């Protein structure tokens, strides 16, 4: 990867007290890449994504996103990021529309877009994730899968260049999973850079062009995405059972 990579991670480490979670992880990500972040439970996937998302600080090494150094320039980076964690982190007593509107205000979208354009974007965002008929319903009435779809809509509301997805299929049924497959392909075609932590290896092989495999907190492999059978064999060989 050229030095003009959008994301550059060098010798990244992270420890929680005496427990070391990441150990000297290095990789680069080019603009528009769609990457699967793979690894067994406890391998450091969520920790790595949290550092890239500016939600956690590294213990050592360096992270540069779009030319900005983390963590000291985190504020400049956040507007470029759309993040989905393994928890939806929504406001239960607000409706789907109110949740998105609150998030829009955090990114100054009312001022940037104006009232009519913002309303159109909010409505379109809900329709894209299949929630148009639940616009005014409180989130506490939503299933886990519906909450996940709303979290996905929220992540792209401000048109970020980079999407960081931590197990984005959590809670989704077959219909919701197929919808997300389509959305990820659409986002990638729009030129967004996407890193997705996934546990479904066949789905990772079908969607993504490159695999980063973590094992024991280290980067065990960085490879072009193989076919599903080869990916499963490689994954099993590189990660502890």
Foldseek 3Di string as FASTA:
>chain_A
DDPQFQKWWFQFWAADVPRTQAGGATDGHHFLAAEEEEADPSLCLQVVLCCVLLNDPTPDTWMAGRNDTPPVPNVVCNLQEQEDALQLPFDQAFFLLVRLVVLCVVVVVCVVQPDVRLVVLSLVLCVLQPNNVRRGPGNNPDFRLSSLSSSVSSRCSSPHQEYEAEQSCPRPDPVNVVSVLVVLVVSSVVRHHYYYHHDPQQSSLVRGQWYFYGENNYRQDTGGRDHSVVSVVVRPVRYDD
